[in-house]
Amino acid sequence: MSEIDSKPKAIVRENPEPEEGRNPWPYAVWLFFGIMIGWGVTYMGLLAGDGSLLGGDRRTIVASEPLAADSMPKADGAKVFQNVCMACHQQTGLGVPGAFPPLAGSEWVNGDVHIPAKIILKGLQGSIEVKGASFNGVMPTFGEQLKDEEIAAVVTYIRTQWGNNTGPLTAAEVKELREKYKDKTTPWSAEELKK
């Protein structure tokens, strides 16, 4: 009688007890890792072997030259208005009654082209009458924050929006005004602007 015959049938049907042992990786996994390591070594050897910090990037570095003044992007008056002026004068240019004067149809905007630029450069303080309504407040100076091109662009913008249809202002004119009033340290009053 063999050993299998001597064991009860229930024990013969059971799988053997699991045991710790060596379970090697399949050959496909070893092959995959071998190919990847070989590719990586080849790539680094062929493309980054010159000691450059750029690694495999072989693009030519070209020193950039400054843009010519006439190719520089022009200031956008609508964006300047949106970023600087719109909070008080509103998107419609109608201002806030009793607080901030309107720009739409304003005699100050549509009159002498230099007046809005002077106000932006040095600010405005005190009582001012706009379209028959009186306003008494302070407009801060933006001369230090805005470039000549930006001031010219925003003045041109407000003089051509909301029914306003008057001429533009140039950056050269703003530069002249900035130089002419460089020693002025206080905001304008309406009386000073009328002179």
N, C-alpha and C. Protein backbone atom coordinates (compact mmCIF):
# COMPACT_ATOMS: atom_id res chain seq x y z
N MET A 1 0.83 -1.16 0.00
CA MET A 1 0.00 0.00 0.00
C MET A 1 0.89 1.24 0.00
N SER A 2 0.57 2.17 -0.90
CA SER A 2 1.39 3.36 -0.99
C SER A 2 1.01 4.36 0.10
N GLU A 3 1.85 5.37 0.16
CA GLU A 3 1.63 6.38 1.21
C GLU A 3 0.34 7.15 0.96
N ILE A 4 -0.02 7.43 -0.30
CA ILE A 4 -1.24 8.16 -0.63
C ILE A 4 -2.45 7.32 -0.24
N ASP A 5 -2.35 6.03 -0.47
CA ASP A 5 -3.49 5.17 -0.13
C ASP A 5 -3.72 5.13 1.36
N SER A 6 -2.65 5.30 2.15
CA SER A 6 -2.79 5.20 3.59
C SER A 6 -3.37 6.46 4.22
N LYS A 7 -3.33 7.60 3.51
CA LYS A 7 -3.86 8.85 4.06
C LYS A 7 -5.35 8.92 3.77
N PRO A 8 -6.08 9.55 4.66
CA PRO A 8 -7.50 9.72 4.39
C PRO A 8 -7.71 10.60 3.16
N LYS A 9 -8.80 10.35 2.46
CA LYS A 9 -9.10 11.07 1.21
C LYS A 9 -9.23 12.58 1.41
N ALA A 10 -9.69 13.03 2.55
CA ALA A 10 -9.84 14.47 2.82
C ALA A 10 -8.48 15.17 2.84
N ILE A 11 -7.50 14.52 3.36
CA ILE A 11 -6.17 15.13 3.43
C ILE A 11 -5.52 15.14 2.06
N VAL A 12 -5.74 14.11 1.27
CA VAL A 12 -5.15 14.03 -0.06
C VAL A 12 -5.70 15.16 -0.95
N ARG A 13 -6.98 15.52 -0.77
CA ARG A 13 -7.58 16.57 -1.59
C ARG A 13 -7.04 17.97 -1.24
N GLU A 14 -6.49 18.18 -0.10
CA GLU A 14 -6.02 19.50 0.35
C GLU A 14 -4.75 19.90 -0.38
N ASN A 15 -4.63 21.20 -0.59
CA ASN A 15 -3.40 21.74 -1.18
C ASN A 15 -2.30 21.72 -0.14
N PRO A 16 -1.08 21.71 -0.60
CA PRO A 16 0.01 21.72 0.38
C PRO A 16 0.05 23.05 1.13
N GLU A 17 0.59 23.04 2.32
CA GLU A 17 0.71 24.24 3.15
C GLU A 17 1.62 25.25 2.45
N PRO A 18 1.22 26.53 2.48
CA PRO A 18 2.10 27.53 1.87
C PRO A 18 3.40 27.63 2.65
N GLU A 19 4.43 27.95 1.93
CA GLU A 19 5.73 28.10 2.58
C GLU A 19 6.47 29.25 1.93
N GLU A 20 7.37 29.84 2.70
CA GLU A 20 8.16 30.93 2.17
C GLU A 20 9.18 30.37 1.22
N GLY A 21 9.41 31.14 0.19
CA GLY A 21 10.38 30.70 -0.77
C GLY A 21 10.68 31.80 -1.76
N ARG A 22 11.46 31.48 -2.72
CA ARG A 22 11.86 32.43 -3.73
C ARG A 22 10.85 32.40 -4.85
N ASN A 23 10.31 33.62 -5.18
CA ASN A 23 9.36 33.72 -6.29
C ASN A 23 9.94 34.74 -7.26
N PRO A 24 10.69 34.36 -8.24
CA PRO A 24 11.38 35.31 -9.12
C PRO A 24 10.41 36.11 -9.99
N TRP A 25 10.87 37.32 -10.40
CA TRP A 25 10.08 38.14 -11.31
C TRP A 25 10.00 37.45 -12.65
N PRO A 26 8.92 37.65 -13.34
CA PRO A 26 8.83 37.05 -14.67
C PRO A 26 9.86 37.67 -15.61
N TYR A 27 10.27 36.91 -16.59
CA TYR A 27 11.28 37.37 -17.54
C TYR A 27 10.83 38.63 -18.28
N ALA A 28 9.54 38.82 -18.51
CA ALA A 28 9.05 40.00 -19.22
C ALA A 28 9.34 41.28 -18.43
N VAL A 29 9.22 41.20 -17.10
CA VAL A 29 9.50 42.37 -16.26
C VAL A 29 10.98 42.70 -16.34
N TRP A 30 11.84 41.69 -16.24
CA TRP A 30 13.29 41.92 -16.35
C TRP A 30 13.64 42.51 -17.72
N LEU A 31 13.03 42.01 -18.75
CA LEU A 31 13.28 42.51 -20.09
C LEU A 31 12.86 43.98 -20.22
N PHE A 32 11.69 44.34 -19.68
CA PHE A 32 11.20 45.72 -19.72
C PHE A 32 12.18 46.67 -19.01
N PHE A 33 12.59 46.32 -17.79
CA PHE A 33 13.52 47.18 -17.05
C PHE A 33 14.87 47.27 -17.77
N GLY A 34 15.31 46.19 -18.36
CA GLY A 34 16.57 46.21 -19.11
C GLY A 34 16.51 47.16 -20.29
N ILE A 35 15.41 47.13 -21.03
CA ILE A 35 15.24 48.02 -22.18
C ILE A 35 15.20 49.47 -21.72
N MET A 36 14.47 49.77 -20.66
CA MET A 36 14.36 51.15 -20.16
C MET A 36 15.71 51.67 -19.68
N ILE A 37 16.45 50.87 -18.95
CA ILE A 37 17.77 51.30 -18.48
C ILE A 37 18.69 51.52 -19.67
N GLY A 38 18.66 50.63 -20.62
CA GLY A 38 19.50 50.79 -21.81
C GLY A 38 19.16 52.05 -22.58
N TRP A 39 17.87 52.32 -22.75
CA TRP A 39 17.44 53.54 -23.45
C TRP A 39 17.90 54.78 -22.70
N GLY A 40 17.72 54.80 -21.36
CA GLY A 40 18.12 55.96 -20.56
C GLY A 40 19.61 56.23 -20.64
N VAL A 41 20.43 55.19 -20.55
CA VAL A 41 21.88 55.36 -20.62
C VAL A 41 22.27 55.88 -22.01
N THR A 42 21.65 55.35 -23.04
CA THR A 42 21.95 55.80 -24.40
C THR A 42 21.55 57.26 -24.59
N TYR A 43 20.38 57.62 -24.12
CA TYR A 43 19.89 59.00 -24.25
C TYR A 43 20.85 59.96 -23.55
N MET A 44 21.20 59.67 -22.31
CA MET A 44 22.09 60.55 -21.56
C MET A 44 23.47 60.61 -22.21
N GLY A 45 23.94 59.48 -22.70
CA GLY A 45 25.27 59.45 -23.31
C GLY A 45 25.33 60.24 -24.61
N LEU A 46 24.32 60.13 -25.42
CA LEU A 46 24.33 60.79 -26.73
C LEU A 46 23.95 62.26 -26.66
N LEU A 47 22.98 62.62 -25.82
CA LEU A 47 22.42 63.97 -25.87
C LEU A 47 22.89 64.90 -24.76
N ALA A 48 23.44 64.38 -23.70
CA ALA A 48 23.83 65.25 -22.60
C ALA A 48 25.28 65.08 -22.24
N GLY A 49 26.05 64.53 -23.14
CA GLY A 49 27.43 64.23 -22.82
C GLY A 49 28.38 65.40 -22.93
N ASP A 50 27.92 66.60 -23.31
CA ASP A 50 28.83 67.72 -23.47
C ASP A 50 29.03 68.52 -22.19
N GLY A 51 28.38 68.12 -21.09
CA GLY A 51 28.55 68.80 -19.82
C GLY A 51 27.71 70.06 -19.69
N SER A 52 26.88 70.34 -20.65
CA SER A 52 26.04 71.53 -20.61
C SER A 52 24.93 71.36 -19.57
N LEU A 53 24.57 72.46 -18.92
CA LEU A 53 23.49 72.42 -17.95
C LEU A 53 22.13 72.28 -18.61
N LEU A 54 22.07 72.47 -19.91
CA LEU A 54 20.81 72.36 -20.61
C LEU A 54 20.41 70.92 -20.87
N GLY A 55 21.28 69.98 -20.61
CA GLY A 55 20.96 68.58 -20.86
C GLY A 55 20.75 68.35 -22.34
N GLY A 56 19.64 67.75 -22.71
CA GLY A 56 19.37 67.43 -24.10
C GLY A 56 18.80 68.58 -24.89
N ASP A 57 18.61 69.75 -24.28
CA ASP A 57 18.04 70.88 -24.99
C ASP A 57 19.11 71.52 -25.87
N ARG A 58 18.98 71.38 -27.17
CA ARG A 58 19.99 71.86 -28.11
C ARG A 58 19.56 73.15 -28.80
N ARG A 59 18.52 73.83 -28.31
CA ARG A 59 18.10 75.06 -28.96
C ARG A 59 19.17 76.13 -28.76
N THR A 60 19.32 76.99 -29.72
CA THR A 60 20.31 78.05 -29.66
C THR A 60 19.77 79.20 -28.83
N ILE A 61 20.57 79.66 -27.90
CA ILE A 61 20.18 80.79 -27.08
C ILE A 61 20.60 82.06 -27.81
N VAL A 62 19.64 82.93 -28.06
CA VAL A 62 19.89 84.16 -28.79
C VAL A 62 19.66 85.33 -27.84
N ALA A 63 20.62 86.22 -27.79
CA ALA A 63 20.45 87.40 -26.95
C ALA A 63 19.33 88.25 -27.53
N SER A 64 18.40 88.65 -26.69
CA SER A 64 17.29 89.46 -27.18
C SER A 64 17.71 90.92 -27.24
N GLU A 65 17.24 91.57 -28.27
CA GLU A 65 17.54 92.99 -28.44
C GLU A 65 16.31 93.78 -28.06
N PRO A 66 16.51 94.97 -27.49
CA PRO A 66 15.34 95.77 -27.13
C PRO A 66 14.53 96.14 -28.36
N LEU A 67 13.21 96.23 -28.16
CA LEU A 67 12.33 96.61 -29.26
C LEU A 67 12.51 98.08 -29.60
N ALA A 68 12.35 98.39 -30.84
CA ALA A 68 12.39 99.79 -31.25
C ALA A 68 11.20 100.52 -30.65
N ALA A 69 11.34 101.81 -30.41
CA ALA A 69 10.29 102.58 -29.75
C ALA A 69 8.98 102.53 -30.52
N ASP A 70 9.06 102.51 -31.85
CA ASP A 70 7.82 102.51 -32.63
C ASP A 70 7.16 101.13 -32.67
N SER A 71 7.89 100.07 -32.25
CA SER A 71 7.29 98.74 -32.24
C SER A 71 6.80 98.34 -30.85
N MET A 72 7.01 99.21 -29.87
CA MET A 72 6.52 98.93 -28.52
C MET A 72 5.00 98.96 -28.52
N PRO A 73 4.39 98.11 -27.70
CA PRO A 73 2.93 98.14 -27.65
C PRO A 73 2.43 99.49 -27.14
N LYS A 74 1.39 99.97 -27.77
CA LYS A 74 0.81 101.25 -27.38
C LYS A 74 -0.05 101.05 -26.13
N ALA A 75 -0.14 102.10 -25.33
CA ALA A 75 -0.99 102.03 -24.13
C ALA A 75 -2.45 101.95 -24.55
N ASP A 76 -3.22 101.20 -23.79
CA ASP A 76 -4.64 101.01 -24.08
C ASP A 76 -5.44 101.88 -23.11
N GLY A 77 -6.04 102.94 -23.63
CA GLY A 77 -6.79 103.88 -22.79
C GLY A 77 -7.94 103.22 -22.06
N ALA A 78 -8.62 102.25 -22.71
CA ALA A 78 -9.75 101.57 -22.06
C ALA A 78 -9.28 100.77 -20.85
N LYS A 79 -8.12 100.12 -20.98
CA LYS A 79 -7.59 99.35 -19.84
C LYS A 79 -7.15 100.27 -18.72
N VAL A 80 -6.50 101.37 -19.06
CA VAL A 80 -6.08 102.33 -18.03
C VAL A 80 -7.31 102.86 -17.31
N PHE A 81 -8.34 103.21 -18.07
CA PHE A 81 -9.58 103.71 -17.46
C PHE A 81 -10.17 102.66 -16.52
N GLN A 82 -10.22 101.43 -16.99
CA GLN A 82 -10.80 100.35 -16.18
C GLN A 82 -10.01 100.15 -14.89
N ASN A 83 -8.69 100.21 -14.96
CA ASN A 83 -7.85 99.95 -13.79
C ASN A 83 -7.75 101.13 -12.83
N VAL A 84 -7.84 102.35 -13.34
CA VAL A 84 -7.56 103.51 -12.51
C VAL A 84 -8.79 104.39 -12.25
N CYS A 85 -9.62 104.58 -13.25
CA CYS A 85 -10.67 105.60 -13.18
C CYS A 85 -12.08 105.06 -12.92
N MET A 86 -12.33 103.84 -13.35
CA MET A 86 -13.70 103.33 -13.37
C MET A 86 -14.34 103.22 -11.98
N ALA A 87 -13.56 102.98 -10.96
CA ALA A 87 -14.13 102.83 -9.62
C ALA A 87 -14.93 104.08 -9.21
N CYS A 88 -14.44 105.24 -9.57
CA CYS A 88 -15.13 106.48 -9.20
C CYS A 88 -16.05 106.99 -10.32
N HIS A 89 -15.56 107.02 -11.54
CA HIS A 89 -16.32 107.63 -12.63
C HIS A 89 -17.25 106.64 -13.33
N GLN A 90 -17.22 105.38 -12.93
CA GLN A 90 -18.12 104.33 -13.40
C GLN A 90 -17.87 103.97 -14.86
N GLN A 91 -18.29 102.78 -15.21
CA GLN A 91 -18.09 102.27 -16.56
C GLN A 91 -18.83 103.11 -17.60
N THR A 92 -19.94 103.70 -17.19
CA THR A 92 -20.74 104.52 -18.10
C THR A 92 -20.22 105.94 -18.24
N GLY A 93 -19.24 106.31 -17.42
CA GLY A 93 -18.71 107.67 -17.43
C GLY A 93 -19.63 108.67 -16.76
N LEU A 94 -20.69 108.20 -16.11
CA LEU A 94 -21.65 109.10 -15.48
C LEU A 94 -21.29 109.46 -14.05
N GLY A 95 -20.22 108.86 -13.49
CA GLY A 95 -19.82 109.17 -12.13
C GLY A 95 -20.85 108.71 -11.13
N VAL A 96 -20.74 109.26 -9.91
CA VAL A 96 -21.70 108.97 -8.84
C VAL A 96 -22.27 110.30 -8.38
N PRO A 97 -23.57 110.51 -8.56
CA PRO A 97 -24.16 111.81 -8.20
C PRO A 97 -23.83 112.22 -6.77
N GLY A 98 -23.36 113.46 -6.65
CA GLY A 98 -23.03 114.01 -5.34
C GLY A 98 -21.65 113.61 -4.85
N ALA A 99 -21.01 112.63 -5.48
CA ALA A 99 -19.70 112.18 -5.00
C ALA A 99 -18.61 112.35 -6.06
N PHE A 100 -18.82 111.76 -7.22
CA PHE A 100 -17.80 111.80 -8.27
C PHE A 100 -18.41 112.34 -9.55
N PRO A 101 -17.79 113.35 -10.15
CA PRO A 101 -18.38 114.01 -11.32
C PRO A 101 -18.39 113.11 -12.56
N PRO A 102 -19.34 113.35 -13.44
CA PRO A 102 -19.39 112.58 -14.69
C PRO A 102 -18.31 113.03 -15.66
N LEU A 103 -17.90 112.11 -16.50
CA LEU A 103 -16.99 112.43 -17.59
C LEU A 103 -17.77 112.57 -18.90
N ALA A 104 -18.90 111.88 -18.98
CA ALA A 104 -19.76 111.93 -20.16
C ALA A 104 -20.37 113.32 -20.27
N GLY A 105 -20.08 114.00 -21.36
CA GLY A 105 -20.65 115.33 -21.59
C GLY A 105 -20.05 116.42 -20.72
N SER A 106 -18.96 116.13 -20.02
CA SER A 106 -18.34 117.11 -19.12
C SER A 106 -17.62 118.19 -19.91
N GLU A 107 -17.86 119.44 -19.52
CA GLU A 107 -17.17 120.56 -20.15
C GLU A 107 -15.67 120.54 -19.85
N TRP A 108 -15.29 119.93 -18.73
CA TRP A 108 -13.87 119.82 -18.36
C TRP A 108 -13.15 118.80 -19.25
N VAL A 109 -13.84 117.76 -19.64
CA VAL A 109 -13.25 116.72 -20.50
C VAL A 109 -13.23 117.18 -21.95
N ASN A 110 -14.33 117.81 -22.40
CA ASN A 110 -14.46 118.17 -23.80
C ASN A 110 -13.87 119.54 -24.15
N GLY A 111 -13.41 120.27 -23.16
CA GLY A 111 -12.79 121.58 -23.41
C GLY A 111 -11.33 121.43 -23.78
N ASP A 112 -10.49 122.21 -23.13
CA ASP A 112 -9.05 122.18 -23.37
C ASP A 112 -8.51 120.77 -23.11
N VAL A 113 -7.84 120.19 -24.09
CA VAL A 113 -7.35 118.83 -23.99
C VAL A 113 -6.33 118.65 -22.85
N HIS A 114 -5.68 119.73 -22.45
CA HIS A 114 -4.66 119.63 -21.41
C HIS A 114 -5.25 119.55 -20.00
N ILE A 115 -6.47 120.00 -19.82
CA ILE A 115 -7.06 120.00 -18.47
C ILE A 115 -7.19 118.59 -17.89
N PRO A 116 -7.76 117.62 -18.59
CA PRO A 116 -7.82 116.27 -18.00
C PRO A 116 -6.44 115.71 -17.70
N ALA A 117 -5.46 115.99 -18.55
CA ALA A 117 -4.10 115.50 -18.31
C ALA A 117 -3.49 116.15 -17.08
N LYS A 118 -3.73 117.45 -16.90
CA LYS A 118 -3.21 118.15 -15.72
C LYS A 118 -3.84 117.58 -14.45
N ILE A 119 -5.14 117.28 -14.52
CA ILE A 119 -5.81 116.70 -13.35
C ILE A 119 -5.25 115.33 -13.02
N ILE A 120 -5.02 114.51 -14.04
CA ILE A 120 -4.47 113.17 -13.80
C ILE A 120 -3.05 113.28 -13.25
N LEU A 121 -2.26 114.22 -13.76
CA LEU A 121 -0.88 114.37 -13.31
C LEU A 121 -0.77 114.83 -11.86
N LYS A 122 -1.58 115.82 -11.47
CA LYS A 122 -1.42 116.43 -10.15
C LYS A 122 -2.62 116.30 -9.22
N GLY A 123 -3.72 115.76 -9.70
CA GLY A 123 -4.90 115.61 -8.86
C GLY A 123 -5.77 116.85 -8.87
N LEU A 124 -6.89 116.78 -8.16
CA LEU A 124 -7.85 117.89 -8.09
C LEU A 124 -8.46 117.90 -6.70
N GLN A 125 -8.60 119.09 -6.13
CA GLN A 125 -9.16 119.20 -4.78
C GLN A 125 -10.05 120.42 -4.68
N GLY A 126 -11.14 120.27 -3.96
CA GLY A 126 -12.04 121.39 -3.74
C GLY A 126 -13.30 121.29 -4.58
N SER A 127 -14.03 122.38 -4.59
CA SER A 127 -15.32 122.43 -5.25
C SER A 127 -15.14 122.61 -6.76
N ILE A 128 -15.94 121.87 -7.52
CA ILE A 128 -15.93 121.98 -8.97
C ILE A 128 -17.34 121.77 -9.48
N GLU A 129 -17.74 122.55 -10.48
CA GLU A 129 -19.07 122.39 -11.06
C GLU A 129 -18.94 121.68 -12.41
N VAL A 130 -19.70 120.59 -12.55
CA VAL A 130 -19.68 119.81 -13.79
C VAL A 130 -21.12 119.60 -14.24
N LYS A 131 -21.43 120.06 -15.44
CA LYS A 131 -22.77 119.93 -16.02
C LYS A 131 -23.85 120.47 -15.08
N GLY A 132 -23.55 121.59 -14.43
CA GLY A 132 -24.51 122.26 -13.57
C GLY A 132 -24.61 121.69 -12.17
N ALA A 133 -23.91 120.63 -11.84
CA ALA A 133 -23.93 120.03 -10.50
C ALA A 133 -22.60 120.32 -9.81
N SER A 134 -22.67 120.56 -8.51
CA SER A 134 -21.47 120.88 -7.74
C SER A 134 -20.93 119.63 -7.06
N PHE A 135 -19.63 119.48 -7.10
CA PHE A 135 -18.94 118.36 -6.46
C PHE A 135 -17.82 118.93 -5.61
N ASN A 136 -17.62 118.37 -4.44
CA ASN A 136 -16.56 118.84 -3.56
C ASN A 136 -15.84 117.61 -3.01
N GLY A 137 -14.67 117.37 -3.53
CA GLY A 137 -13.93 116.19 -3.09
C GLY A 137 -12.48 116.28 -3.51
N VAL A 138 -11.85 115.12 -3.55
CA VAL A 138 -10.44 115.05 -3.90
C VAL A 138 -10.25 113.96 -4.95
N MET A 139 -9.58 114.30 -6.03
CA MET A 139 -9.12 113.28 -6.97
C MET A 139 -7.63 113.15 -6.76
N PRO A 140 -7.16 111.94 -6.48
CA PRO A 140 -5.72 111.77 -6.21
C PRO A 140 -4.88 111.97 -7.47
N THR A 141 -3.61 112.21 -7.26
CA THR A 141 -2.67 112.35 -8.36
C THR A 141 -2.27 110.97 -8.88
N PHE A 142 -2.16 110.84 -10.18
CA PHE A 142 -1.70 109.59 -10.79
C PHE A 142 -0.44 109.80 -11.62
N GLY A 143 0.17 110.98 -11.49
CA GLY A 143 1.36 111.30 -12.27
C GLY A 143 2.53 110.39 -12.00
N GLU A 144 2.66 109.92 -10.78
CA GLU A 144 3.77 109.03 -10.44
C GLU A 144 3.50 107.60 -10.88
N GLN A 145 2.24 107.23 -10.99
CA GLN A 145 1.88 105.85 -11.31
C GLN A 145 1.77 105.58 -12.80
N LEU A 146 1.37 106.58 -13.56
CA LEU A 146 1.12 106.38 -14.99
C LEU A 146 2.21 107.01 -15.85
N LYS A 147 2.53 106.33 -16.94
CA LYS A 147 3.50 106.85 -17.91
C LYS A 147 2.79 107.87 -18.81
N ASP A 148 3.58 108.64 -19.52
CA ASP A 148 3.03 109.65 -20.43
C ASP A 148 2.09 109.02 -21.45
N GLU A 149 2.49 107.86 -21.99
CA GLU A 149 1.67 107.18 -22.99
C GLU A 149 0.32 106.74 -22.41
N GLU A 150 0.34 106.31 -21.14
CA GLU A 150 -0.90 105.86 -20.50
C GLU A 150 -1.84 107.03 -20.24
N ILE A 151 -1.28 108.15 -19.81
CA ILE A 151 -2.11 109.34 -19.57
C ILE A 151 -2.70 109.82 -20.88
N ALA A 152 -1.89 109.87 -21.93
CA ALA A 152 -2.39 110.31 -23.24
C ALA A 152 -3.49 109.36 -23.72
N ALA A 153 -3.29 108.06 -23.51
CA ALA A 153 -4.27 107.08 -23.97
C ALA A 153 -5.59 107.20 -23.21
N VAL A 154 -5.53 107.38 -21.89
CA VAL A 154 -6.78 107.46 -21.12
C VAL A 154 -7.51 108.78 -21.38
N VAL A 155 -6.77 109.87 -21.55
CA VAL A 155 -7.42 111.15 -21.88
C VAL A 155 -8.09 111.05 -23.25
N THR A 156 -7.41 110.48 -24.21
CA THR A 156 -8.00 110.28 -25.54
C THR A 156 -9.23 109.39 -25.43
N TYR A 157 -9.15 108.36 -24.61
CA TYR A 157 -10.29 107.45 -24.43
C TYR A 157 -11.50 108.19 -23.87
N ILE A 158 -11.33 108.95 -22.79
CA ILE A 158 -12.50 109.61 -22.19
C ILE A 158 -13.04 110.73 -23.07
N ARG A 159 -12.21 111.27 -23.96
CA ARG A 159 -12.66 112.33 -24.86
C ARG A 159 -13.36 111.76 -26.10
N THR A 160 -13.42 110.43 -26.22
CA THR A 160 -14.09 109.81 -27.38
C THR A 160 -15.17 108.82 -26.98
N GLN A 161 -15.51 108.75 -25.69
CA GLN A 161 -16.52 107.80 -25.21
C GLN A 161 -17.76 108.52 -24.69
N TRP A 162 -18.84 107.77 -24.54
CA TRP A 162 -20.09 108.23 -23.91
C TRP A 162 -20.65 109.50 -24.56
N GLY A 163 -20.52 109.62 -25.85
CA GLY A 163 -21.02 110.80 -26.55
C GLY A 163 -20.00 111.92 -26.67
N ASN A 164 -18.88 111.82 -25.98
CA ASN A 164 -17.81 112.80 -26.14
C ASN A 164 -17.17 112.57 -27.51
N ASN A 165 -16.87 113.65 -28.21
CA ASN A 165 -16.30 113.50 -29.54
C ASN A 165 -15.31 114.63 -29.78
N THR A 166 -14.23 114.62 -28.99
CA THR A 166 -13.21 115.67 -29.12
C THR A 166 -11.87 115.03 -29.43
N GLY A 167 -10.86 115.87 -29.66
CA GLY A 167 -9.57 115.41 -30.16
C GLY A 167 -8.72 114.65 -29.16
N PRO A 168 -7.71 113.96 -29.70
CA PRO A 168 -6.81 113.16 -28.87
C PRO A 168 -5.73 114.01 -28.20
N LEU A 169 -5.03 113.36 -27.29
CA LEU A 169 -3.87 113.95 -26.61
C LEU A 169 -2.69 113.06 -26.91
N THR A 170 -1.51 113.65 -27.13
CA THR A 170 -0.33 112.85 -27.44
C THR A 170 0.55 112.70 -26.21
N ALA A 171 1.39 111.67 -26.23
CA ALA A 171 2.33 111.44 -25.13
C ALA A 171 3.33 112.59 -25.04
N ALA A 172 3.69 113.19 -26.18
CA ALA A 172 4.62 114.33 -26.18
C ALA A 172 4.02 115.51 -25.42
N GLU A 173 2.71 115.74 -25.60
CA GLU A 173 2.04 116.84 -24.87
C GLU A 173 2.04 116.56 -23.37
N VAL A 174 1.81 115.30 -23.00
CA VAL A 174 1.82 114.94 -21.57
C VAL A 174 3.22 115.14 -21.00
N LYS A 175 4.24 114.78 -21.77
CA LYS A 175 5.62 114.96 -21.31
C LYS A 175 5.91 116.44 -21.06
N GLU A 176 5.44 117.31 -21.96
CA GLU A 176 5.62 118.76 -21.78
C GLU A 176 4.91 119.24 -20.52
N LEU A 177 3.68 118.77 -20.31
CA LEU A 177 2.93 119.18 -19.11
C LEU A 177 3.63 118.68 -17.85
N ARG A 178 4.13 117.46 -17.88
CA ARG A 178 4.82 116.91 -16.72
C ARG A 178 6.04 117.76 -16.37
N GLU A 179 6.77 118.15 -17.40
CA GLU A 179 7.97 118.97 -17.18
C GLU A 179 7.58 120.38 -16.70
N LYS A 180 6.56 120.94 -17.31
CA LYS A 180 6.14 122.31 -16.97
C LYS A 180 5.67 122.42 -15.51
N TYR A 181 4.97 121.38 -15.03
CA TYR A 181 4.40 121.45 -13.69
C TYR A 181 5.11 120.52 -12.70
N LYS A 182 6.37 120.21 -12.97
CA LYS A 182 7.09 119.27 -12.11
C LYS A 182 7.26 119.80 -10.68
N ASP A 183 7.27 121.13 -10.49
CA ASP A 183 7.46 121.70 -9.16
C ASP A 183 6.15 121.90 -8.40
N LYS A 184 5.02 121.64 -9.04
CA LYS A 184 3.73 121.80 -8.37
C LYS A 184 3.54 120.63 -7.41
N THR A 185 3.33 120.94 -6.15
CA THR A 185 3.23 119.89 -5.12
C THR A 185 1.81 119.71 -4.57
N THR A 186 0.90 120.58 -4.94
CA THR A 186 -0.47 120.47 -4.44
C THR A 186 -1.42 120.16 -5.58
N PRO A 187 -2.56 119.56 -5.27
CA PRO A 187 -3.55 119.28 -6.34
C PRO A 187 -4.10 120.59 -6.91
N TRP A 188 -4.62 120.50 -8.13
CA TRP A 188 -5.25 121.64 -8.79
C TRP A 188 -6.56 121.98 -8.10
N SER A 189 -6.96 123.23 -8.23
CA SER A 189 -8.32 123.65 -7.86
C SER A 189 -9.02 124.02 -9.17
N ALA A 190 -10.35 124.07 -9.14
CA ALA A 190 -11.09 124.42 -10.35
C ALA A 190 -10.71 125.81 -10.83
N GLU A 191 -10.46 126.73 -9.89
CA GLU A 191 -10.10 128.10 -10.25
C GLU A 191 -8.76 128.13 -11.00
N GLU A 192 -7.79 127.32 -10.54
CA GLU A 192 -6.50 127.28 -11.21
C GLU A 192 -6.62 126.72 -12.63
N LEU A 193 -7.48 125.72 -12.79
CA LEU A 193 -7.64 125.09 -14.10
C LEU A 193 -8.31 126.02 -15.11
N LYS A 194 -9.14 126.99 -14.63
CA LYS A 194 -9.83 127.90 -15.53
C LYS A 194 -8.89 128.94 -16.13
N LYS A 195 -7.76 129.15 -15.49
CA LYS A 195 -6.83 130.21 -15.96
C LYS A 195 -6.14 129.82 -17.23
